[in-house]
Every structure is written in C-alpha cells, then in structure tokens.
Amino acid sequence: PASRYSEVDKHLIPQRHAPVEGTPF
C-alpha cells in the first residue's frame, strides 16, 4: 500500500520519490 517509491541511481541509492502510478512498481 504505497503510492510512491524511491528511484535509485546506478549504485542503488535513492535519488527521489516517484509515483508508482503507471509503473511496474
């Protein structure tokens, strides 16, 4: 039950919180 997830960089470090809507997340 989450409407946002954390997008990561190439080292898997969160960069920003993004909407899950319309994504595989």
PDBML (XML) file of the C-alpha atoms, coordinates in Angstrom:
<?xml version="1.0" encoding="UTF-8" ?>
<PDBx:datablock datablockName="MODEL"
   xmlns:PDBx="http://pdbml.pdb.org/schema/pdbx-v50.xsd"
   xmlns:xsi="http://www.w3.org/2001/XMLSchema-instance"
   xsi:schemaLocation="http://pdbml.pdb.org/schema/pdbx-v50.xsd pdbx-v50.xsd">
   <PDBx:atom_siteCategory>
      <PDBx:atom_site id="1">
         <PDBx:B_iso_or_equiv>0.00</PDBx:B_iso_or_equiv>
         <PDBx:Cartn_x>0.000</PDBx:Cartn_x>
         <PDBx:Cartn_y>0.000</PDBx:Cartn_y>
         <PDBx:Cartn_z>0.000</PDBx:Cartn_z>
         <PDBx:auth_asym_id>A</PDBx:auth_asym_id>
         <PDBx:auth_atom_id>CA</PDBx:auth_atom_id>
         <PDBx:auth_comp_id>PRO</PDBx:auth_comp_id>
         <PDBx:auth_seq_id>1</PDBx:auth_seq_id>
         <PDBx:group_PDB>ATOM</PDBx:group_PDB>
         <PDBx:label_alt_id xsi:nil="true" />
         <PDBx:label_asym_id>A</PDBx:label_asym_id>
         <PDBx:label_atom_id>CA</PDBx:label_atom_id>
         <PDBx:label_comp_id>PRO</PDBx:label_comp_id>
         <PDBx:label_entity_id>1</PDBx:label_entity_id>
         <PDBx:label_seq_id>1</PDBx:label_seq_id>
         <PDBx:occupancy>1.00</PDBx:occupancy>
         <PDBx:pdbx_PDB_model_num>1</PDBx:pdbx_PDB_model_num>
         <PDBx:type_symbol>C</PDBx:type_symbol>
      </PDBx:atom_site>
      <PDBx:atom_site id="2">
         <PDBx:B_iso_or_equiv>0.00</PDBx:B_iso_or_equiv>
         <PDBx:Cartn_x>2.359</PDBx:Cartn_x>
         <PDBx:Cartn_y>2.683</PDBx:Cartn_y>
         <PDBx:Cartn_z>-1.283</PDBx:Cartn_z>
         <PDBx:auth_asym_id>A</PDBx:auth_asym_id>
         <PDBx:auth_atom_id>CA</PDBx:auth_atom_id>
         <PDBx:auth_comp_id>ALA</PDBx:auth_comp_id>
         <PDBx:auth_seq_id>2</PDBx:auth_seq_id>
         <PDBx:group_PDB>ATOM</PDBx:group_PDB>
         <PDBx:label_alt_id xsi:nil="true" />
         <PDBx:label_asym_id>A</PDBx:label_asym_id>
         <PDBx:label_atom_id>CA</PDBx:label_atom_id>
         <PDBx:label_comp_id>ALA</PDBx:label_comp_id>
         <PDBx:label_entity_id>1</PDBx:label_entity_id>
         <PDBx:label_seq_id>2</PDBx:label_seq_id>
         <PDBx:occupancy>1.00</PDBx:occupancy>
         <PDBx:pdbx_PDB_model_num>1</PDBx:pdbx_PDB_model_num>
         <PDBx:type_symbol>C</PDBx:type_symbol>
      </PDBx:atom_site>
      <PDBx:atom_site id="3">
         <PDBx:B_iso_or_equiv>0.00</PDBx:B_iso_or_equiv>
         <PDBx:Cartn_x>1.658</PDBx:Cartn_x>
         <PDBx:Cartn_y>5.379</PDBx:Cartn_y>
         <PDBx:Cartn_z>-3.850</PDBx:Cartn_z>
         <PDBx:auth_asym_id>A</PDBx:auth_asym_id>
         <PDBx:auth_atom_id>CA</PDBx:auth_atom_id>
         <PDBx:auth_comp_id>SER</PDBx:auth_comp_id>
         <PDBx:auth_seq_id>3</PDBx:auth_seq_id>
         <PDBx:group_PDB>ATOM</PDBx:group_PDB>
         <PDBx:label_alt_id xsi:nil="true" />
         <PDBx:label_asym_id>A</PDBx:label_asym_id>
         <PDBx:label_atom_id>CA</PDBx:label_atom_id>
         <PDBx:label_comp_id>SER</PDBx:label_comp_id>
         <PDBx:label_entity_id>1</PDBx:label_entity_id>
         <PDBx:label_seq_id>3</PDBx:label_seq_id>
         <PDBx:occupancy>1.00</PDBx:occupancy>
         <PDBx:pdbx_PDB_model_num>1</PDBx:pdbx_PDB_model_num>
         <PDBx:type_symbol>C</PDBx:type_symbol>
      </PDBx:atom_site>
      <PDBx:atom_site id="4">
         <PDBx:B_iso_or_equiv>0.00</PDBx:B_iso_or_equiv>
         <PDBx:Cartn_x>5.343</PDBx:Cartn_x>
         <PDBx:Cartn_y>6.359</PDBx:Cartn_y>
         <PDBx:Cartn_z>-4.072</PDBx:Cartn_z>
         <PDBx:auth_asym_id>A</PDBx:auth_asym_id>
         <PDBx:auth_atom_id>CA</PDBx:auth_atom_id>
         <PDBx:auth_comp_id>ARG</PDBx:auth_comp_id>
         <PDBx:auth_seq_id>4</PDBx:auth_seq_id>
         <PDBx:group_PDB>ATOM</PDBx:group_PDB>
         <PDBx:label_alt_id xsi:nil="true" />
         <PDBx:label_asym_id>A</PDBx:label_asym_id>
         <PDBx:label_atom_id>CA</PDBx:label_atom_id>
         <PDBx:label_comp_id>ARG</PDBx:label_comp_id>
         <PDBx:label_entity_id>1</PDBx:label_entity_id>
         <PDBx:label_seq_id>4</PDBx:label_seq_id>
         <PDBx:occupancy>1.00</PDBx:occupancy>
         <PDBx:pdbx_PDB_model_num>1</PDBx:pdbx_PDB_model_num>
         <PDBx:type_symbol>C</PDBx:type_symbol>
      </PDBx:atom_site>
      <PDBx:atom_site id="5">
         <PDBx:B_iso_or_equiv>0.00</PDBx:B_iso_or_equiv>
         <PDBx:Cartn_x>8.657</PDBx:Cartn_x>
         <PDBx:Cartn_y>4.543</PDBx:Cartn_y>
         <PDBx:Cartn_z>-4.287</PDBx:Cartn_z>
         <PDBx:auth_asym_id>A</PDBx:auth_asym_id>
         <PDBx:auth_atom_id>CA</PDBx:auth_atom_id>
         <PDBx:auth_comp_id>TYR</PDBx:auth_comp_id>
         <PDBx:auth_seq_id>5</PDBx:auth_seq_id>
         <PDBx:group_PDB>ATOM</PDBx:group_PDB>
         <PDBx:label_alt_id xsi:nil="true" />
         <PDBx:label_asym_id>A</PDBx:label_asym_id>
         <PDBx:label_atom_id>CA</PDBx:label_atom_id>
         <PDBx:label_comp_id>TYR</PDBx:label_comp_id>
         <PDBx:label_entity_id>1</PDBx:label_entity_id>
         <PDBx:label_seq_id>5</PDBx:label_seq_id>
         <PDBx:occupancy>1.00</PDBx:occupancy>
         <PDBx:pdbx_PDB_model_num>1</PDBx:pdbx_PDB_model_num>
         <PDBx:type_symbol>C</PDBx:type_symbol>
      </PDBx:atom_site>
      <PDBx:atom_site id="6">
         <PDBx:B_iso_or_equiv>0.00</PDBx:B_iso_or_equiv>
         <PDBx:Cartn_x>12.294</PDBx:Cartn_x>
         <PDBx:Cartn_y>5.659</PDBx:Cartn_y>
         <PDBx:Cartn_z>-4.293</PDBx:Cartn_z>
         <PDBx:auth_asym_id>A</PDBx:auth_asym_id>
         <PDBx:auth_atom_id>CA</PDBx:auth_atom_id>
         <PDBx:auth_comp_id>SER</PDBx:auth_comp_id>
         <PDBx:auth_seq_id>6</PDBx:auth_seq_id>
         <PDBx:group_PDB>ATOM</PDBx:group_PDB>
         <PDBx:label_alt_id xsi:nil="true" />
         <PDBx:label_asym_id>A</PDBx:label_asym_id>
         <PDBx:label_atom_id>CA</PDBx:label_atom_id>
         <PDBx:label_comp_id>SER</PDBx:label_comp_id>
         <PDBx:label_entity_id>1</PDBx:label_entity_id>
         <PDBx:label_seq_id>6</PDBx:label_seq_id>
         <PDBx:occupancy>1.00</PDBx:occupancy>
         <PDBx:pdbx_PDB_model_num>1</PDBx:pdbx_PDB_model_num>
         <PDBx:type_symbol>C</PDBx:type_symbol>
      </PDBx:atom_site>
      <PDBx:atom_site id="7">
         <PDBx:B_iso_or_equiv>0.00</PDBx:B_iso_or_equiv>
         <PDBx:Cartn_x>14.023</PDBx:Cartn_x>
         <PDBx:Cartn_y>5.822</PDBx:Cartn_y>
         <PDBx:Cartn_z>-7.660</PDBx:Cartn_z>
         <PDBx:auth_asym_id>A</PDBx:auth_asym_id>
         <PDBx:auth_atom_id>CA</PDBx:auth_atom_id>
         <PDBx:auth_comp_id>GLU</PDBx:auth_comp_id>
         <PDBx:auth_seq_id>7</PDBx:auth_seq_id>
         <PDBx:group_PDB>ATOM</PDBx:group_PDB>
         <PDBx:label_alt_id xsi:nil="true" />
         <PDBx:label_asym_id>A</PDBx:label_asym_id>
         <PDBx:label_atom_id>CA</PDBx:label_atom_id>
         <PDBx:label_comp_id>GLU</PDBx:label_comp_id>
         <PDBx:label_entity_id>1</PDBx:label_entity_id>
         <PDBx:label_seq_id>7</PDBx:label_seq_id>
         <PDBx:occupancy>1.00</PDBx:occupancy>
         <PDBx:pdbx_PDB_model_num>1</PDBx:pdbx_PDB_model_num>
         <PDBx:type_symbol>C</PDBx:type_symbol>
      </PDBx:atom_site>
      <PDBx:atom_site id="8">
         <PDBx:B_iso_or_equiv>0.00</PDBx:B_iso_or_equiv>
         <PDBx:Cartn_x>17.685</PDBx:Cartn_x>
         <PDBx:Cartn_y>4.780</PDBx:Cartn_y>
         <PDBx:Cartn_z>-7.417</PDBx:Cartn_z>
         <PDBx:auth_asym_id>A</PDBx:auth_asym_id>
         <PDBx:auth_atom_id>CA</PDBx:auth_atom_id>
         <PDBx:auth_comp_id>VAL</PDBx:auth_comp_id>
         <PDBx:auth_seq_id>8</PDBx:auth_seq_id>
         <PDBx:group_PDB>ATOM</PDBx:group_PDB>
         <PDBx:label_alt_id xsi:nil="true" />
         <PDBx:label_asym_id>A</PDBx:label_asym_id>
         <PDBx:label_atom_id>CA</PDBx:label_atom_id>
         <PDBx:label_comp_id>VAL</PDBx:label_comp_id>
         <PDBx:label_entity_id>1</PDBx:label_entity_id>
         <PDBx:label_seq_id>8</PDBx:label_seq_id>
         <PDBx:occupancy>1.00</PDBx:occupancy>
         <PDBx:pdbx_PDB_model_num>1</PDBx:pdbx_PDB_model_num>
         <PDBx:type_symbol>C</PDBx:type_symbol>
      </PDBx:atom_site>
      <PDBx:atom_site id="9">
         <PDBx:B_iso_or_equiv>0.00</PDBx:B_iso_or_equiv>
         <PDBx:Cartn_x>20.930</PDBx:Cartn_x>
         <PDBx:Cartn_y>5.637</PDBx:Cartn_y>
         <PDBx:Cartn_z>-9.183</PDBx:Cartn_z>
         <PDBx:auth_asym_id>A</PDBx:auth_asym_id>
         <PDBx:auth_atom_id>CA</PDBx:auth_atom_id>
         <PDBx:auth_comp_id>ASP</PDBx:auth_comp_id>
         <PDBx:auth_seq_id>9</PDBx:auth_seq_id>
         <PDBx:group_PDB>ATOM</PDBx:group_PDB>
         <PDBx:label_alt_id xsi:nil="true" />
         <PDBx:label_asym_id>A</PDBx:label_asym_id>
         <PDBx:label_atom_id>CA</PDBx:label_atom_id>
         <PDBx:label_comp_id>ASP</PDBx:label_comp_id>
         <PDBx:label_entity_id>1</PDBx:label_entity_id>
         <PDBx:label_seq_id>9</PDBx:label_seq_id>
         <PDBx:occupancy>1.00</PDBx:occupancy>
         <PDBx:pdbx_PDB_model_num>1</PDBx:pdbx_PDB_model_num>
         <PDBx:type_symbol>C</PDBx:type_symbol>
      </PDBx:atom_site>
      <PDBx:atom_site id="10">
         <PDBx:B_iso_or_equiv>0.00</PDBx:B_iso_or_equiv>
         <PDBx:Cartn_x>23.430</PDBx:Cartn_x>
         <PDBx:Cartn_y>3.140</PDBx:Cartn_y>
         <PDBx:Cartn_z>-10.583</PDBx:Cartn_z>
         <PDBx:auth_asym_id>A</PDBx:auth_asym_id>
         <PDBx:auth_atom_id>CA</PDBx:auth_atom_id>
         <PDBx:auth_comp_id>LYS</PDBx:auth_comp_id>
         <PDBx:auth_seq_id>10</PDBx:auth_seq_id>
         <PDBx:group_PDB>ATOM</PDBx:group_PDB>
         <PDBx:label_alt_id xsi:nil="true" />
         <PDBx:label_asym_id>A</PDBx:label_asym_id>
         <PDBx:label_atom_id>CA</PDBx:label_atom_id>
         <PDBx:label_comp_id>LYS</PDBx:label_comp_id>
         <PDBx:label_entity_id>1</PDBx:label_entity_id>
         <PDBx:label_seq_id>10</PDBx:label_seq_id>
         <PDBx:occupancy>1.00</PDBx:occupancy>
         <PDBx:pdbx_PDB_model_num>1</PDBx:pdbx_PDB_model_num>
         <PDBx:type_symbol>C</PDBx:type_symbol>
      </PDBx:atom_site>
      <PDBx:atom_site id="11">
         <PDBx:B_iso_or_equiv>0.00</PDBx:B_iso_or_equiv>
         <PDBx:Cartn_x>24.642</PDBx:Cartn_x>
         <PDBx:Cartn_y>2.381</PDBx:Cartn_y>
         <PDBx:Cartn_z>-7.042</PDBx:Cartn_z>
         <PDBx:auth_asym_id>A</PDBx:auth_asym_id>
         <PDBx:auth_atom_id>CA</PDBx:auth_atom_id>
         <PDBx:auth_comp_id>HIS</PDBx:auth_comp_id>
         <PDBx:auth_seq_id>11</PDBx:auth_seq_id>
         <PDBx:group_PDB>ATOM</PDBx:group_PDB>
         <PDBx:label_alt_id xsi:nil="true" />
         <PDBx:label_asym_id>A</PDBx:label_asym_id>
         <PDBx:label_atom_id>CA</PDBx:label_atom_id>
         <PDBx:label_comp_id>HIS</PDBx:label_comp_id>
         <PDBx:label_entity_id>1</PDBx:label_entity_id>
         <PDBx:label_seq_id>11</PDBx:label_seq_id>
         <PDBx:occupancy>1.00</PDBx:occupancy>
         <PDBx:pdbx_PDB_model_num>1</PDBx:pdbx_PDB_model_num>
         <PDBx:type_symbol>C</PDBx:type_symbol>
      </PDBx:atom_site>
      <PDBx:atom_site id="12">
         <PDBx:B_iso_or_equiv>0.00</PDBx:B_iso_or_equiv>
         <PDBx:Cartn_x>21.035</PDBx:Cartn_x>
         <PDBx:Cartn_y>1.748</PDBx:Cartn_y>
         <PDBx:Cartn_z>-5.895</PDBx:Cartn_z>
         <PDBx:auth_asym_id>A</PDBx:auth_asym_id>
         <PDBx:auth_atom_id>CA</PDBx:auth_atom_id>
         <PDBx:auth_comp_id>LEU</PDBx:auth_comp_id>
         <PDBx:auth_seq_id>12</PDBx:auth_seq_id>
         <PDBx:group_PDB>ATOM</PDBx:group_PDB>
         <PDBx:label_alt_id xsi:nil="true" />
         <PDBx:label_asym_id>A</PDBx:label_asym_id>
         <PDBx:label_atom_id>CA</PDBx:label_atom_id>
         <PDBx:label_comp_id>LEU</PDBx:label_comp_id>
         <PDBx:label_entity_id>1</PDBx:label_entity_id>
         <PDBx:label_seq_id>12</PDBx:label_seq_id>
         <PDBx:occupancy>1.00</PDBx:occupancy>
         <PDBx:pdbx_PDB_model_num>1</PDBx:pdbx_PDB_model_num>
         <PDBx:type_symbol>C</PDBx:type_symbol>
      </PDBx:atom_site>
      <PDBx:atom_site id="13">
         <PDBx:B_iso_or_equiv>0.00</PDBx:B_iso_or_equiv>
         <PDBx:Cartn_x>20.981</PDBx:Cartn_x>
         <PDBx:Cartn_y>4.919</PDBx:Cartn_y>
         <PDBx:Cartn_z>-3.793</PDBx:Cartn_z>
         <PDBx:auth_asym_id>A</PDBx:auth_asym_id>
         <PDBx:auth_atom_id>CA</PDBx:auth_atom_id>
         <PDBx:auth_comp_id>ILE</PDBx:auth_comp_id>
         <PDBx:auth_seq_id>13</PDBx:auth_seq_id>
         <PDBx:group_PDB>ATOM</PDBx:group_PDB>
         <PDBx:label_alt_id xsi:nil="true" />
         <PDBx:label_asym_id>A</PDBx:label_asym_id>
         <PDBx:label_atom_id>CA</PDBx:label_atom_id>
         <PDBx:label_comp_id>ILE</PDBx:label_comp_id>
         <PDBx:label_entity_id>1</PDBx:label_entity_id>
         <PDBx:label_seq_id>13</PDBx:label_seq_id>
         <PDBx:occupancy>1.00</PDBx:occupancy>
         <PDBx:pdbx_PDB_model_num>1</PDBx:pdbx_PDB_model_num>
         <PDBx:type_symbol>C</PDBx:type_symbol>
      </PDBx:atom_site>
      <PDBx:atom_site id="14">
         <PDBx:B_iso_or_equiv>0.00</PDBx:B_iso_or_equiv>
         <PDBx:Cartn_x>17.576</PDBx:Cartn_x>
         <PDBx:Cartn_y>6.683</PDBx:Cartn_y>
         <PDBx:Cartn_z>-3.661</PDBx:Cartn_z>
         <PDBx:auth_asym_id>A</PDBx:auth_asym_id>
         <PDBx:auth_atom_id>CA</PDBx:auth_atom_id>
         <PDBx:auth_comp_id>PRO</PDBx:auth_comp_id>
         <PDBx:auth_seq_id>14</PDBx:auth_seq_id>
         <PDBx:group_PDB>ATOM</PDBx:group_PDB>
         <PDBx:label_alt_id xsi:nil="true" />
         <PDBx:label_asym_id>A</PDBx:label_asym_id>
         <PDBx:label_atom_id>CA</PDBx:label_atom_id>
         <PDBx:label_comp_id>PRO</PDBx:label_comp_id>
         <PDBx:label_entity_id>1</PDBx:label_entity_id>
         <PDBx:label_seq_id>14</PDBx:label_seq_id>
         <PDBx:occupancy>1.00</PDBx:occupancy>
         <PDBx:pdbx_PDB_model_num>1</PDBx:pdbx_PDB_model_num>
         <PDBx:type_symbol>C</PDBx:type_symbol>
      </PDBx:atom_site>
      <PDBx:atom_site id="15">
         <PDBx:B_iso_or_equiv>0.00</PDBx:B_iso_or_equiv>
         <PDBx:Cartn_x>17.525</PDBx:Cartn_x>
         <PDBx:Cartn_y>9.937</PDBx:Cartn_y>
         <PDBx:Cartn_z>-5.616</PDBx:Cartn_z>
         <PDBx:auth_asym_id>A</PDBx:auth_asym_id>
         <PDBx:auth_atom_id>CA</PDBx:auth_atom_id>
         <PDBx:auth_comp_id>GLN</PDBx:auth_comp_id>
         <PDBx:auth_seq_id>15</PDBx:auth_seq_id>
         <PDBx:group_PDB>ATOM</PDBx:group_PDB>
         <PDBx:label_alt_id xsi:nil="true" />
         <PDBx:label_asym_id>A</PDBx:label_asym_id>
         <PDBx:label_atom_id>CA</PDBx:label_atom_id>
         <PDBx:label_comp_id>GLN</PDBx:label_comp_id>
         <PDBx:label_entity_id>1</PDBx:label_entity_id>
         <PDBx:label_seq_id>15</PDBx:label_seq_id>
         <PDBx:occupancy>1.00</PDBx:occupancy>
         <PDBx:pdbx_PDB_model_num>1</PDBx:pdbx_PDB_model_num>
         <PDBx:type_symbol>C</PDBx:type_symbol>
      </PDBx:atom_site>
      <PDBx:atom_site id="16">
         <PDBx:B_iso_or_equiv>0.00</PDBx:B_iso_or_equiv>
         <PDBx:Cartn_x>13.884</PDBx:Cartn_x>
         <PDBx:Cartn_y>10.982</PDBx:Cartn_y>
         <PDBx:Cartn_z>-5.404</PDBx:Cartn_z>
         <PDBx:auth_asym_id>A</PDBx:auth_asym_id>
         <PDBx:auth_atom_id>CA</PDBx:auth_atom_id>
         <PDBx:auth_comp_id>ARG</PDBx:auth_comp_id>
         <PDBx:auth_seq_id>16</PDBx:auth_seq_id>
         <PDBx:group_PDB>ATOM</PDBx:group_PDB>
         <PDBx:label_alt_id xsi:nil="true" />
         <PDBx:label_asym_id>A</PDBx:label_asym_id>
         <PDBx:label_atom_id>CA</PDBx:label_atom_id>
         <PDBx:label_comp_id>ARG</PDBx:label_comp_id>
         <PDBx:label_entity_id>1</PDBx:label_entity_id>
         <PDBx:label_seq_id>16</PDBx:label_seq_id>
         <PDBx:occupancy>1.00</PDBx:occupancy>
         <PDBx:pdbx_PDB_model_num>1</PDBx:pdbx_PDB_model_num>
         <PDBx:type_symbol>C</PDBx:type_symbol>
      </PDBx:atom_site>
      <PDBx:atom_site id="17">
         <PDBx:B_iso_or_equiv>0.00</PDBx:B_iso_or_equiv>
         <PDBx:Cartn_x>10.453</PDBx:Cartn_x>
         <PDBx:Cartn_y>9.655</PDBx:Cartn_y>
         <PDBx:Cartn_z>-4.510</PDBx:Cartn_z>
         <PDBx:auth_asym_id>A</PDBx:auth_asym_id>
         <PDBx:auth_atom_id>CA</PDBx:auth_atom_id>
         <PDBx:auth_comp_id>HIS</PDBx:auth_comp_id>
         <PDBx:auth_seq_id>17</PDBx:auth_seq_id>
         <PDBx:group_PDB>ATOM</PDBx:group_PDB>
         <PDBx:label_alt_id xsi:nil="true" />
         <PDBx:label_asym_id>A</PDBx:label_asym_id>
         <PDBx:label_atom_id>CA</PDBx:label_atom_id>
         <PDBx:label_comp_id>HIS</PDBx:label_comp_id>
         <PDBx:label_entity_id>1</PDBx:label_entity_id>
         <PDBx:label_seq_id>17</PDBx:label_seq_id>
         <PDBx:occupancy>1.00</PDBx:occupancy>
         <PDBx:pdbx_PDB_model_num>1</PDBx:pdbx_PDB_model_num>
         <PDBx:type_symbol>C</PDBx:type_symbol>
      </PDBx:atom_site>
      <PDBx:atom_site id="18">
         <PDBx:B_iso_or_equiv>0.00</PDBx:B_iso_or_equiv>
         <PDBx:Cartn_x>8.321</PDBx:Cartn_x>
         <PDBx:Cartn_y>8.981</PDBx:Cartn_y>
         <PDBx:Cartn_z>-7.583</PDBx:Cartn_z>
         <PDBx:auth_asym_id>A</PDBx:auth_asym_id>
         <PDBx:auth_atom_id>CA</PDBx:auth_atom_id>
         <PDBx:auth_comp_id>ALA</PDBx:auth_comp_id>
         <PDBx:auth_seq_id>18</PDBx:auth_seq_id>
         <PDBx:group_PDB>ATOM</PDBx:group_PDB>
         <PDBx:label_alt_id xsi:nil="true" />
         <PDBx:label_asym_id>A</PDBx:label_asym_id>
         <PDBx:label_atom_id>CA</PDBx:label_atom_id>
         <PDBx:label_comp_id>ALA</PDBx:label_comp_id>
         <PDBx:label_entity_id>1</PDBx:label_entity_id>
         <PDBx:label_seq_id>18</PDBx:label_seq_id>
         <PDBx:occupancy>1.00</PDBx:occupancy>
         <PDBx:pdbx_PDB_model_num>1</PDBx:pdbx_PDB_model_num>
         <PDBx:type_symbol>C</PDBx:type_symbol>
      </PDBx:atom_site>
      <PDBx:atom_site id="19">
         <PDBx:B_iso_or_equiv>0.00</PDBx:B_iso_or_equiv>
         <PDBx:Cartn_x>4.677</PDBx:Cartn_x>
         <PDBx:Cartn_y>7.971</PDBx:Cartn_y>
         <PDBx:Cartn_z>-8.127</PDBx:Cartn_z>
         <PDBx:auth_asym_id>A</PDBx:auth_asym_id>
         <PDBx:auth_atom_id>CA</PDBx:auth_atom_id>
         <PDBx:auth_comp_id>PRO</PDBx:auth_comp_id>
         <PDBx:auth_seq_id>19</PDBx:auth_seq_id>
         <PDBx:group_PDB>ATOM</PDBx:group_PDB>
         <PDBx:label_alt_id xsi:nil="true" />
         <PDBx:label_asym_id>A</PDBx:label_asym_id>
         <PDBx:label_atom_id>CA</PDBx:label_atom_id>
         <PDBx:label_comp_id>PRO</PDBx:label_comp_id>
         <PDBx:label_entity_id>1</PDBx:label_entity_id>
         <PDBx:label_seq_id>19</PDBx:label_seq_id>
         <PDBx:occupancy>1.00</PDBx:occupancy>
         <PDBx:pdbx_PDB_model_num>1</PDBx:pdbx_PDB_model_num>
         <PDBx:type_symbol>C</PDBx:type_symbol>
      </PDBx:atom_site>
      <PDBx:atom_site id="20">
         <PDBx:B_iso_or_equiv>0.00</PDBx:B_iso_or_equiv>
         <PDBx:Cartn_x>4.046</PDBx:Cartn_x>
         <PDBx:Cartn_y>4.261</PDBx:Cartn_y>
         <PDBx:Cartn_z>-8.687</PDBx:Cartn_z>
         <PDBx:auth_asym_id>A</PDBx:auth_asym_id>
         <PDBx:auth_atom_id>CA</PDBx:auth_atom_id>
         <PDBx:auth_comp_id>VAL</PDBx:auth_comp_id>
         <PDBx:auth_seq_id>20</PDBx:auth_seq_id>
         <PDBx:group_PDB>ATOM</PDBx:group_PDB>
         <PDBx:label_alt_id xsi:nil="true" />
         <PDBx:label_asym_id>A</PDBx:label_asym_id>
         <PDBx:label_atom_id>CA</PDBx:label_atom_id>
         <PDBx:label_comp_id>VAL</PDBx:label_comp_id>
         <PDBx:label_entity_id>1</PDBx:label_entity_id>
         <PDBx:label_seq_id>20</PDBx:label_seq_id>
         <PDBx:occupancy>1.00</PDBx:occupancy>
         <PDBx:pdbx_PDB_model_num>1</PDBx:pdbx_PDB_model_num>
         <PDBx:type_symbol>C</PDBx:type_symbol>
      </PDBx:atom_site>
      <PDBx:atom_site id="21">
         <PDBx:B_iso_or_equiv>0.00</PDBx:B_iso_or_equiv>
         <PDBx:Cartn_x>1.080</PDBx:Cartn_x>
         <PDBx:Cartn_y>5.070</PDBx:Cartn_y>
         <PDBx:Cartn_z>-10.931</PDBx:Cartn_z>
         <PDBx:auth_asym_id>A</PDBx:auth_asym_id>
         <PDBx:auth_atom_id>CA</PDBx:auth_atom_id>
         <PDBx:auth_comp_id>GLU</PDBx:auth_comp_id>
         <PDBx:auth_seq_id>21</PDBx:auth_seq_id>
         <PDBx:group_PDB>ATOM</PDBx:group_PDB>
         <PDBx:label_alt_id xsi:nil="true" />
         <PDBx:label_asym_id>A</PDBx:label_asym_id>
         <PDBx:label_atom_id>CA</PDBx:label_atom_id>
         <PDBx:label_comp_id>GLU</PDBx:label_comp_id>
         <PDBx:label_entity_id>1</PDBx:label_entity_id>
         <PDBx:label_seq_id>21</PDBx:label_seq_id>
         <PDBx:occupancy>1.00</PDBx:occupancy>
         <PDBx:pdbx_PDB_model_num>1</PDBx:pdbx_PDB_model_num>
         <PDBx:type_symbol>C</PDBx:type_symbol>
      </PDBx:atom_site>
      <PDBx:atom_site id="22">
         <PDBx:B_iso_or_equiv>0.00</PDBx:B_iso_or_equiv>
         <PDBx:Cartn_x>1.607</PDBx:Cartn_x>
         <PDBx:Cartn_y>3.616</PDBx:Cartn_y>
         <PDBx:Cartn_z>-14.410</PDBx:Cartn_z>
         <PDBx:auth_asym_id>A</PDBx:auth_asym_id>
         <PDBx:auth_atom_id>CA</PDBx:auth_atom_id>
         <PDBx:auth_comp_id>GLY</PDBx:auth_comp_id>
         <PDBx:auth_seq_id>22</PDBx:auth_seq_id>
         <PDBx:group_PDB>ATOM</PDBx:group_PDB>
         <PDBx:label_alt_id xsi:nil="true" />
         <PDBx:label_asym_id>A</PDBx:label_asym_id>
         <PDBx:label_atom_id>CA</PDBx:label_atom_id>
         <PDBx:label_comp_id>GLY</PDBx:label_comp_id>
         <PDBx:label_entity_id>1</PDBx:label_entity_id>
         <PDBx:label_seq_id>22</PDBx:label_seq_id>
         <PDBx:occupancy>1.00</PDBx:occupancy>
         <PDBx:pdbx_PDB_model_num>1</PDBx:pdbx_PDB_model_num>
         <PDBx:type_symbol>C</PDBx:type_symbol>
      </PDBx:atom_site>
      <PDBx:atom_site id="23">
         <PDBx:B_iso_or_equiv>0.00</PDBx:B_iso_or_equiv>
         <PDBx:Cartn_x>4.857</PDBx:Cartn_x>
         <PDBx:Cartn_y>1.827</PDBx:Cartn_y>
         <PDBx:Cartn_z>-13.493</PDBx:Cartn_z>
         <PDBx:auth_asym_id>A</PDBx:auth_asym_id>
         <PDBx:auth_atom_id>CA</PDBx:auth_atom_id>
         <PDBx:auth_comp_id>THR</PDBx:auth_comp_id>
         <PDBx:auth_seq_id>23</PDBx:auth_seq_id>
         <PDBx:group_PDB>ATOM</PDBx:group_PDB>
         <PDBx:label_alt_id xsi:nil="true" />
         <PDBx:label_asym_id>A</PDBx:label_asym_id>
         <PDBx:label_atom_id>CA</PDBx:label_atom_id>
         <PDBx:label_comp_id>THR</PDBx:label_comp_id>
         <PDBx:label_entity_id>1</PDBx:label_entity_id>
         <PDBx:label_seq_id>23</PDBx:label_seq_id>
         <PDBx:occupancy>1.00</PDBx:occupancy>
         <PDBx:pdbx_PDB_model_num>1</PDBx:pdbx_PDB_model_num>
         <PDBx:type_symbol>C</PDBx:type_symbol>
      </PDBx:atom_site>
      <PDBx:atom_site id="24">
         <PDBx:B_iso_or_equiv>0.00</PDBx:B_iso_or_equiv>
         <PDBx:Cartn_x>5.848</PDBx:Cartn_x>
         <PDBx:Cartn_y>-1.774</PDBx:Cartn_y>
         <PDBx:Cartn_z>-12.631</PDBx:Cartn_z>
         <PDBx:auth_asym_id>A</PDBx:auth_asym_id>
         <PDBx:auth_atom_id>CA</PDBx:auth_atom_id>
         <PDBx:auth_comp_id>PRO</PDBx:auth_comp_id>
         <PDBx:auth_seq_id>24</PDBx:auth_seq_id>
         <PDBx:group_PDB>ATOM</PDBx:group_PDB>
         <PDBx:label_alt_id xsi:nil="true" />
         <PDBx:label_asym_id>A</PDBx:label_asym_id>
         <PDBx:label_atom_id>CA</PDBx:label_atom_id>
         <PDBx:label_comp_id>PRO</PDBx:label_comp_id>
         <PDBx:label_entity_id>1</PDBx:label_entity_id>
         <PDBx:label_seq_id>24</PDBx:label_seq_id>
         <PDBx:occupancy>1.00</PDBx:occupancy>
         <PDBx:pdbx_PDB_model_num>1</PDBx:pdbx_PDB_model_num>
         <PDBx:type_symbol>C</PDBx:type_symbol>
      </PDBx:atom_site>
      <PDBx:atom_site id="25">
         <PDBx:B_iso_or_equiv>0.00</PDBx:B_iso_or_equiv>
         <PDBx:Cartn_x>6.108</PDBx:Cartn_x>
         <PDBx:Cartn_y>-0.530</PDBx:Cartn_y>
         <PDBx:Cartn_z>-9.026</PDBx:Cartn_z>
         <PDBx:auth_asym_id>A</PDBx:auth_asym_id>
         <PDBx:auth_atom_id>CA</PDBx:auth_atom_id>
         <PDBx:auth_comp_id>PHE</PDBx:auth_comp_id>
         <PDBx:auth_seq_id>25</PDBx:auth_seq_id>
         <PDBx:group_PDB>ATOM</PDBx:group_PDB>
         <PDBx:label_alt_id xsi:nil="true" />
         <PDBx:label_asym_id>A</PDBx:label_asym_id>
         <PDBx:label_atom_id>CA</PDBx:label_atom_id>
         <PDBx:label_comp_id>PHE</PDBx:label_comp_id>
         <PDBx:label_entity_id>1</PDBx:label_entity_id>
         <PDBx:label_seq_id>25</PDBx:label_seq_id>
         <PDBx:occupancy>1.00</PDBx:occupancy>
         <PDBx:pdbx_PDB_model_num>1</PDBx:pdbx_PDB_model_num>
         <PDBx:type_symbol>C</PDBx:type_symbol>
      </PDBx:atom_site>
   </PDBx:atom_siteCategory>
</PDBx:datablock>
